[in-house]
N, C-alpha and C. Protein backbone atom coordinates (compact mmCIF):
# COMPACT_ATOMS: atom_id res chain seq x y z
N UNK A 1 -10.44 13.83 10.04
CA UNK A 1 -9.12 13.26 11.12
C UNK A 1 -9.40 11.91 11.05
N UNK A 2 -8.07 11.48 11.10
CA UNK A 2 -8.39 9.71 11.16
C UNK A 2 -8.53 9.39 12.76
N UNK A 3 -9.09 8.28 12.52
CA UNK A 3 -9.29 7.73 14.08
C UNK A 3 -8.70 6.58 14.36
N UNK A 4 -7.84 6.16 15.52
CA UNK A 4 -7.38 4.97 15.90
C UNK A 4 -7.55 4.82 17.29
N UNK A 5 -7.21 3.79 17.79
CA UNK A 5 -7.17 3.37 19.20
C UNK A 5 -7.03 2.01 19.51
N UNK A 6 -7.68 1.39 20.77
CA UNK A 6 -7.94 0.04 20.81
C UNK A 6 -9.37 -0.31 21.66
N UNK A 7 -9.55 -1.29 21.72
CA UNK A 7 -10.87 -2.02 22.23
C UNK A 7 -10.79 -3.04 23.09
N UNK A 8 -11.20 -3.64 24.16
CA UNK A 8 -10.72 -4.73 24.92
C UNK A 8 -11.91 -5.78 24.45
N UNK A 9 -11.74 -6.69 23.94
CA UNK A 9 -12.66 -7.75 23.78
C UNK A 9 -12.02 -8.99 23.95
N UNK A 10 -13.02 -9.58 24.82
CA UNK A 10 -12.98 -11.20 25.02
C UNK A 10 -11.35 -11.33 25.57
N UNK A 11 -10.64 -12.25 24.93
CA UNK A 11 -9.35 -12.33 25.07
C UNK A 11 -7.89 -11.56 25.17
N UNK A 12 -8.68 -10.34 24.49
CA UNK A 12 -7.20 -9.46 23.98
C UNK A 12 -7.74 -8.01 23.68
N UNK A 13 -7.01 -7.30 23.23
CA UNK A 13 -7.04 -6.00 22.58
C UNK A 13 -7.13 -6.02 21.35
N UNK A 14 -8.25 -5.02 20.59
CA UNK A 14 -8.03 -4.91 19.19
C UNK A 14 -7.64 -3.63 18.81
N UNK A 15 -6.78 -3.33 18.21
CA UNK A 15 -6.25 -2.16 17.84
C UNK A 15 -6.54 -1.89 16.44
N UNK A 16 -7.14 -0.72 16.51
CA UNK A 16 -7.91 0.13 15.18
C UNK A 16 -7.47 1.29 14.44
N UNK A 17 -7.55 1.52 13.25
CA UNK A 17 -7.13 2.83 12.74
C UNK A 17 -8.08 2.95 11.37
N UNK A 18 -8.73 3.93 11.45
CA UNK A 18 -9.78 4.76 10.23
C UNK A 18 -9.06 5.81 9.58
N UNK A 19 -8.75 5.84 8.28
CA UNK A 19 -8.33 6.72 7.89
C UNK A 19 -8.89 7.01 6.42
N UNK A 20 -8.30 8.20 5.57
CA UNK A 20 -9.05 8.76 4.71
C UNK A 20 -10.47 9.13 4.43
N UNK A 21 -11.35 9.23 5.63
CA UNK A 21 -12.84 9.26 5.66
C UNK A 21 -13.19 10.62 4.77
N UNK A 22 -13.91 10.35 3.75
CA UNK A 22 -15.00 11.35 2.82
C UNK A 22 -16.14 11.20 3.05
N UNK A 23 -16.81 12.02 3.05
CA UNK A 23 -18.13 12.11 2.71
C UNK A 23 -18.43 12.13 1.17
N UNK A 24 -19.11 11.29 0.58
CA UNK A 24 -19.64 11.41 -0.92
C UNK A 24 -20.57 11.50 -1.43
N UNK A 25 -21.39 11.71 -0.37
CA UNK A 25 -22.73 12.26 -0.57
C UNK A 25 -23.70 12.57 0.63
N UNK A 26 -24.48 13.32 0.05
CA UNK A 26 -25.23 13.86 1.30
C UNK A 26 -26.49 14.36 0.64
N UNK A 27 -27.79 13.92 0.81
CA UNK A 27 -29.13 14.41 0.46
C UNK A 27 -30.07 14.72 1.71
N UNK A 28 -30.70 16.12 1.24
CA UNK A 28 -31.39 16.52 2.06
C UNK A 28 -32.81 16.98 1.39
N UNK A 29 -33.81 15.57 1.37
CA UNK A 29 -35.30 15.80 0.61
C UNK A 29 -35.91 16.72 1.59
N UNK A 30 -35.84 16.82 2.58
CA UNK A 30 -36.96 17.53 3.33
C UNK A 30 -36.20 18.57 4.29
N UNK A 31 -36.46 19.82 4.21
CA UNK A 31 -36.23 20.79 5.18
C UNK A 31 -37.08 21.94 5.51
N UNK A 32 -37.23 22.54 6.69
CA UNK A 32 -38.21 23.55 6.60
C UNK A 32 -37.84 24.58 7.85
N UNK A 33 -37.95 25.90 7.55
CA UNK A 33 -37.35 26.79 8.55
C UNK A 33 -38.68 27.61 9.01
N UNK A 34 -38.93 28.02 10.12
CA UNK A 34 -40.16 28.51 10.83
C UNK A 34 -39.78 29.31 12.00
N UNK A 35 -40.49 30.61 12.15
CA UNK A 35 -40.14 31.59 13.25
C UNK A 35 -40.92 31.37 14.35
N UNK A 36 -40.05 31.49 15.41
CA UNK A 36 -40.73 31.11 16.78
C UNK A 36 -40.83 32.55 17.50
N UNK A 37 -42.39 33.14 17.66
CA UNK A 37 -42.59 34.15 18.18
C UNK A 37 -41.70 34.32 19.49
N UNK A 38 -40.79 35.21 19.61
CA UNK A 38 -40.26 35.73 20.93
C UNK A 38 -38.82 34.76 21.41
N UNK A 39 -38.95 34.03 20.21
CA UNK A 39 -37.52 32.85 20.57
C UNK A 39 -36.46 33.15 19.50
N UNK A 40 -37.01 32.87 18.56
CA UNK A 40 -36.31 33.00 17.10
C UNK A 40 -36.63 31.90 15.90
N UNK A 41 -35.93 31.03 15.57
CA UNK A 41 -35.74 30.34 14.55
C UNK A 41 -36.06 28.82 14.81
N UNK A 42 -36.51 27.90 14.02
CA UNK A 42 -36.74 26.43 14.10
C UNK A 42 -36.32 26.02 12.82
N UNK A 43 -35.44 25.33 12.62
CA UNK A 43 -34.82 24.45 11.68
C UNK A 43 -35.06 23.01 11.86
N UNK A 44 -35.93 22.36 10.70
CA UNK A 44 -36.12 20.86 10.80
C UNK A 44 -35.60 20.45 9.42
N UNK A 45 -34.58 19.62 9.46
CA UNK A 45 -34.07 18.47 8.64
C UNK A 45 -34.73 17.27 8.33
N UNK A 46 -35.38 16.55 7.55
CA UNK A 46 -35.97 15.18 7.80
C UNK A 46 -35.18 14.26 6.59
N UNK A 47 -35.15 13.09 7.10
CA UNK A 47 -34.64 11.84 6.09
C UNK A 47 -33.44 12.15 5.41
N UNK A 48 -32.76 12.76 5.83
CA UNK A 48 -31.18 13.09 5.71
C UNK A 48 -30.60 11.85 5.25
N UNK A 49 -29.67 11.80 4.15
CA UNK A 49 -28.87 9.98 4.16
C UNK A 49 -27.29 10.86 3.75
N UNK A 50 -26.46 9.95 4.40
CA UNK A 50 -24.98 10.17 3.97
C UNK A 50 -24.29 8.89 3.50
N UNK A 51 -23.47 9.08 2.40
CA UNK A 51 -22.56 7.96 2.52
C UNK A 51 -21.27 8.63 2.50
N UNK A 52 -20.39 7.50 3.42
CA UNK A 52 -19.04 7.85 3.86
C UNK A 52 -17.95 6.54 3.45
N UNK A 53 -17.07 7.12 2.63
CA UNK A 53 -15.98 6.15 2.36
C UNK A 53 -14.81 6.31 3.32
N UNK A 54 -13.84 5.23 3.67
CA UNK A 54 -12.86 5.01 4.43
C UNK A 54 -11.95 3.87 4.40
N UNK A 55 -10.88 3.98 4.81
CA UNK A 55 -9.88 2.99 4.80
C UNK A 55 -9.99 2.35 6.06
N UNK A 56 -9.59 1.36 6.70
CA UNK A 56 -9.56 0.68 7.90
C UNK A 56 -8.50 -0.32 8.13
N UNK A 57 -8.10 -0.49 9.39
CA UNK A 57 -7.11 -1.71 9.32
C UNK A 57 -7.41 -2.17 11.08
N UNK A 58 -7.19 -3.66 11.37
CA UNK A 58 -7.23 -3.88 12.72
C UNK A 58 -6.12 -4.82 12.91
N UNK A 59 -5.71 -4.69 14.04
CA UNK A 59 -4.73 -5.78 14.66
C UNK A 59 -5.11 -6.37 15.98
N UNK A 60 -5.20 -7.87 16.25
CA UNK A 60 -5.36 -8.30 17.27
C UNK A 60 -3.92 -9.31 17.55
N UNK A 61 -4.03 -9.90 18.73
CA UNK A 61 -2.57 -10.93 18.83
C UNK A 61 -2.94 -12.16 18.01
N UNK A 62 -4.37 -12.47 17.37
CA UNK A 62 -4.10 -13.27 16.64
C UNK A 62 -4.34 -13.19 14.91
N UNK A 63 -4.61 -11.83 14.67
CA UNK A 63 -4.48 -11.71 13.27
C UNK A 63 -4.81 -10.07 12.91
N UNK A 64 -4.52 -9.82 11.64
CA UNK A 64 -4.57 -8.32 11.21
C UNK A 64 -5.44 -8.52 9.84
N UNK A 65 -5.88 -7.56 9.58
CA UNK A 65 -6.66 -7.31 8.40
C UNK A 65 -6.73 -5.72 8.13
N UNK A 66 -7.10 -5.43 6.80
CA UNK A 66 -7.29 -3.85 6.47
C UNK A 66 -8.11 -3.65 5.03
N UNK A 67 -8.81 -2.83 4.71
CA UNK A 67 -9.39 -2.76 3.50
C UNK A 67 -10.19 -1.67 3.41
N UNK A 68 -11.28 -1.27 2.59
CA UNK A 68 -11.80 -0.30 2.66
C UNK A 68 -13.47 -0.39 3.24
N UNK A 69 -14.03 0.47 3.50
CA UNK A 69 -15.37 0.44 4.09
C UNK A 69 -16.32 1.71 3.27
N UNK A 70 -17.64 1.11 3.34
CA UNK A 70 -18.68 2.16 2.79
C UNK A 70 -19.71 2.30 4.04
N UNK A 71 -20.18 3.43 4.48
CA UNK A 71 -20.96 3.44 5.64
C UNK A 71 -22.09 4.33 4.97
N UNK A 72 -23.52 3.72 5.01
CA UNK A 72 -24.62 4.54 4.62
C UNK A 72 -25.43 4.80 5.69
N UNK A 73 -25.87 5.91 5.91
CA UNK A 73 -26.57 6.29 7.17
C UNK A 73 -27.73 7.21 6.67
N UNK A 74 -28.84 6.82 7.14
CA UNK A 74 -29.99 7.06 6.30
C UNK A 74 -31.24 7.39 7.49
N UNK A 75 -32.39 8.05 6.97
CA UNK A 75 -33.00 8.60 7.97
C UNK A 75 -32.74 9.09 9.25
N UNK A 76 -31.90 10.29 8.93
CA UNK A 76 -31.35 11.11 9.76
C UNK A 76 -32.24 12.21 10.02
N UNK A 77 -32.75 12.84 11.22
CA UNK A 77 -33.54 13.81 11.48
C UNK A 77 -32.96 15.04 12.57
N UNK A 78 -33.04 16.21 12.02
CA UNK A 78 -32.15 17.12 12.92
C UNK A 78 -33.31 18.28 12.96
N UNK A 79 -33.34 18.48 14.54
CA UNK A 79 -34.16 19.69 14.56
C UNK A 79 -33.14 20.57 15.67
N UNK A 80 -33.28 21.89 15.13
CA UNK A 80 -32.08 23.02 15.58
C UNK A 80 -33.01 24.03 15.98
N UNK A 81 -33.07 24.73 17.04
CA UNK A 81 -33.80 26.09 17.39
C UNK A 81 -32.31 26.97 17.75
N UNK A 82 -32.70 28.16 17.14
CA UNK A 82 -31.97 29.28 17.43
C UNK A 82 -32.41 30.32 17.65
N UNK A 83 -31.70 31.06 19.05
CA UNK A 83 -32.03 32.37 19.58
C UNK A 83 -31.34 33.63 18.50
N UNK A 84 -32.59 34.51 18.77
CA UNK A 84 -32.19 35.51 17.54
C UNK A 84 -32.17 37.04 18.59
N UNK A 85 -31.69 37.10 19.49
CA UNK A 85 -31.79 38.68 20.54
C UNK A 85 -30.50 39.29 19.69
N UNK A 86 -31.15 40.82 20.14
CA UNK A 86 -30.27 41.83 19.72
C UNK A 86 -29.10 42.17 20.63
N UNK A 87 -28.06 42.49 20.14
CA UNK A 87 -26.86 43.02 20.82
C UNK A 87 -27.37 44.44 21.20
N UNK A 88 -26.20 45.16 22.06
CA UNK A 88 -26.45 46.51 22.64
C UNK A 88 -26.54 47.45 21.37
N UNK A 89 -25.97 47.09 20.41
CA UNK A 89 -26.07 48.21 19.21
C UNK A 89 -27.14 47.86 18.28
N UNK A 90 -28.27 46.95 18.65
CA UNK A 90 -29.24 46.67 17.76
C UNK A 90 -29.30 45.51 16.60
N UNK A 91 -28.03 45.15 16.60
CA UNK A 91 -27.62 44.06 15.55
C UNK A 91 -28.12 42.75 16.08
N UNK A 92 -28.73 41.83 15.48
CA UNK A 92 -29.11 40.60 15.68
C UNK A 92 -27.96 39.42 15.64
N UNK A 93 -27.97 38.70 16.99
CA UNK A 93 -26.90 37.93 17.15
C UNK A 93 -27.89 36.50 17.10
N UNK A 94 -27.19 35.49 16.37
CA UNK A 94 -27.87 34.03 16.36
C UNK A 94 -27.07 32.99 17.45
N UNK A 95 -27.51 32.53 18.07
CA UNK A 95 -26.97 31.48 18.88
C UNK A 95 -27.86 30.39 18.63
N UNK A 96 -27.06 28.83 19.01
CA UNK A 96 -27.60 27.59 18.94
C UNK A 96 -28.47 27.91 20.25
N UNK A 97 -29.73 27.22 20.46
CA UNK A 97 -30.54 27.09 21.64
C UNK A 97 -30.52 25.48 22.00
N UNK A 98 -30.67 24.88 21.13
CA UNK A 98 -30.85 23.32 21.17
C UNK A 98 -30.89 22.70 19.81
N UNK A 99 -30.54 21.51 19.82
CA UNK A 99 -30.10 20.81 18.44
C UNK A 99 -30.79 19.25 19.15
N UNK A 100 -31.40 18.46 18.06
CA UNK A 100 -31.61 17.01 18.48
C UNK A 100 -31.22 16.54 17.24
N UNK A 101 -30.79 15.15 17.35
CA UNK A 101 -30.63 14.60 15.96
C UNK A 101 -30.79 13.14 16.31
N UNK A 102 -31.29 12.42 15.38
CA UNK A 102 -31.61 11.13 15.36
C UNK A 102 -31.49 10.40 13.89
N UNK A 103 -30.69 9.15 14.39
CA UNK A 103 -30.64 8.14 12.89
C UNK A 103 -31.33 7.06 12.98
N UNK A 104 -31.75 6.48 11.70
CA UNK A 104 -32.61 5.48 11.78
C UNK A 104 -31.88 4.23 11.36
N UNK A 105 -31.09 4.17 10.44
CA UNK A 105 -30.30 3.02 9.69
C UNK A 105 -28.94 3.21 9.45
N UNK A 106 -28.26 2.39 9.71
CA UNK A 106 -26.78 2.54 9.41
C UNK A 106 -26.39 1.21 8.84
N UNK A 107 -25.90 1.24 7.71
CA UNK A 107 -25.18 -0.11 6.91
C UNK A 107 -23.93 0.20 6.46
N UNK A 108 -23.01 -0.69 7.03
CA UNK A 108 -21.55 -0.81 6.82
C UNK A 108 -21.27 -1.88 6.26
N UNK A 109 -20.38 -1.73 4.85
CA UNK A 109 -20.02 -2.61 4.15
C UNK A 109 -18.22 -2.61 4.10
N UNK A 110 -17.95 -3.78 4.45
CA UNK A 110 -16.49 -3.87 4.86
C UNK A 110 -15.70 -4.82 3.73
N UNK A 111 -14.70 -4.14 3.01
CA UNK A 111 -13.96 -5.08 1.93
C UNK A 111 -12.69 -5.28 2.36
N UNK A 112 -12.49 -6.48 2.90
CA UNK A 112 -10.91 -6.82 3.13
C UNK A 112 -10.21 -7.81 2.56
N UNK A 113 -9.10 -8.09 3.14
CA UNK A 113 -8.22 -9.18 2.71
C UNK A 113 -8.81 -10.50 3.27
N UNK A 114 -9.25 -10.70 4.34
CA UNK A 114 -9.74 -11.70 5.03
C UNK A 114 -11.35 -12.16 4.59
């Protein structure tokens, strides 16, 4: 979905709109799944990277600008734990018990008219 809103900065508001958000690349170089006795499953995904392209425009009382942007996110690590209890008919249920995500680097390239 598109993102829009405004932020207050110093002497005025900055109105922004981010549209046409597309994830163009995802890499999962390291992933592992292990069993946790009596609990469920642990999923660890390491060193993930993403590339996202989007359009943007901003407007203030002084100027306006728009363009394209590419965002590179790297060194993302995800650890998720799923519980796997049985329901009353004996079928296994899966539910997310905890999830932790950290990201290391974010590089934003803006191409605009100004």
